[in-house]
Amino acid sequence: MSPVAEDYPVFQVRKDNIVFSIRLEHQRVVISVLPAHAEIVRQLLSVELKELYSMLESVRTARSARELWTLSAADTPAAQSGAQSGG
């Protein structure tokens, strides 16, 4: 995927012999593709969006787990003795 222009939100995507563009138009993502490749591009984007969603969900879950770990780590005897000794 490569930007078409620096100041214009349009990207051109190439996969094998398929080329399509992705652009932002008034807060909508618009995909332009030849009709012959529309179904393939739809499937490709569907898979990629599912992967992106899965990755973002993993990050959210990991962040929640890290916050829980940080809270529970503060309750350990070492952390409490360090707090009592001023360290």
Protein backbone atom coordinates (compact mmCIF):
# COMPACT_ATOMS: atom_id res chain seq x y z
CA MET A 1 0.00 0.00 0.00
CA SER A 2 1.45 3.35 -0.92
CA PRO A 3 0.13 6.90 -0.56
CA VAL A 4 -0.78 8.62 -3.80
CA ALA A 5 -0.04 12.10 -2.42
CA GLU A 6 1.20 13.44 0.91
CA ASP A 7 -1.70 15.81 1.55
CA TYR A 8 -4.50 13.75 0.00
CA PRO A 9 -5.79 10.67 1.86
CA VAL A 10 -5.64 8.18 -1.03
CA PHE A 11 -3.73 4.91 -1.01
CA GLN A 12 -3.12 2.55 -3.88
CA VAL A 13 -2.97 -1.16 -3.06
CA ARG A 14 -1.42 -3.80 -5.31
CA LYS A 15 -1.85 -7.54 -4.79
CA ASP A 16 -0.64 -9.80 -7.61
CA ASN A 17 -2.42 -8.41 -10.71
CA ILE A 18 -5.10 -6.57 -8.71
CA VAL A 19 -4.94 -2.84 -8.07
CA PHE A 20 -7.42 -0.84 -6.00
CA SER A 21 -7.50 2.47 -4.20
CA ILE A 22 -8.64 3.42 -0.73
CA ARG A 23 -9.54 7.03 -0.01
CA LEU A 24 -11.18 9.02 2.73
CA GLU A 25 -14.19 11.07 1.65
CA HIS A 26 -16.08 13.06 4.27
CA GLN A 27 -15.31 10.55 7.06
CA ARG A 28 -16.13 7.55 4.83
CA VAL A 29 -13.65 5.05 3.50
CA VAL A 30 -14.20 4.54 -0.23
CA ILE A 31 -12.72 1.59 -2.13
CA SER A 32 -12.34 1.84 -5.91
CA VAL A 33 -11.75 -1.39 -7.81
CA LEU A 34 -12.49 -2.88 -11.22
CA PRO A 35 -15.75 -4.88 -11.22
CA ALA A 36 -13.85 -8.04 -12.20
CA HIS A 37 -11.83 -7.84 -8.95
CA ALA A 38 -14.56 -6.58 -6.62
CA GLU A 39 -15.31 -9.93 -4.95
CA ILE A 40 -11.64 -10.76 -4.40
CA VAL A 41 -10.98 -7.33 -2.91
CA ARG A 42 -14.06 -7.65 -0.70
CA GLN A 43 -12.79 -10.98 0.66
CA LEU A 44 -9.27 -9.66 1.08
CA LEU A 45 -10.45 -6.60 3.01
CA SER A 46 -12.79 -8.72 5.11
CA VAL A 47 -9.92 -10.96 6.21
CA GLU A 48 -7.66 -7.98 6.91
CA LEU A 49 -10.33 -6.18 8.95
CA LYS A 50 -10.95 -9.31 11.02
CA GLU A 51 -7.21 -9.57 11.69
CA LEU A 52 -7.04 -5.89 12.64
CA TYR A 53 -10.01 -6.27 14.98
CA SER A 54 -8.41 -9.34 16.56
CA MET A 55 -5.11 -7.50 17.02
CA LEU A 56 -6.81 -4.47 18.59
CA GLU A 57 -8.83 -6.74 20.90
CA SER A 58 -5.59 -8.46 21.96
CA VAL A 59 -3.98 -5.12 22.74
CA ARG A 60 -7.01 -4.06 24.75
CA THR A 61 -7.01 -7.34 26.67
CA ALA A 62 -3.26 -7.18 27.27
CA ARG A 63 -3.57 -3.64 28.57
CA SER A 64 -6.34 -4.69 30.96
CA ALA A 65 -4.24 -7.65 32.14
CA ARG A 66 -1.21 -5.38 32.64
CA GLU A 67 -3.29 -2.96 34.69
CA LEU A 68 -4.54 -5.84 36.84
CA TRP A 69 -0.98 -7.15 37.22
CA THR A 70 0.26 -3.70 38.21
CA LEU A 71 -2.46 -3.42 40.85
CA SER A 72 -1.79 -6.90 42.24
CA ALA A 73 1.99 -6.32 42.20
CA ALA A 74 1.47 -3.34 44.51
CA ASP A 75 -0.06 -5.74 47.05
CA THR A 76 3.01 -8.01 47.25
CA PRO A 77 5.01 -8.12 50.50
CA ALA A 78 8.08 -6.69 48.73
CA ALA A 79 6.11 -3.72 47.45
CA GLN A 80 4.54 -3.14 50.87
CA SER A 81 7.86 -3.34 52.72
CA GLY A 82 9.40 -0.93 50.22
CA ALA A 83 6.56 1.50 50.82
CA GLN A 84 6.98 1.22 54.60
CA SER A 85 10.73 1.81 54.45
CA GLY A 86 10.26 4.83 52.22
CA GLY A 87 11.99 3.23 49.22
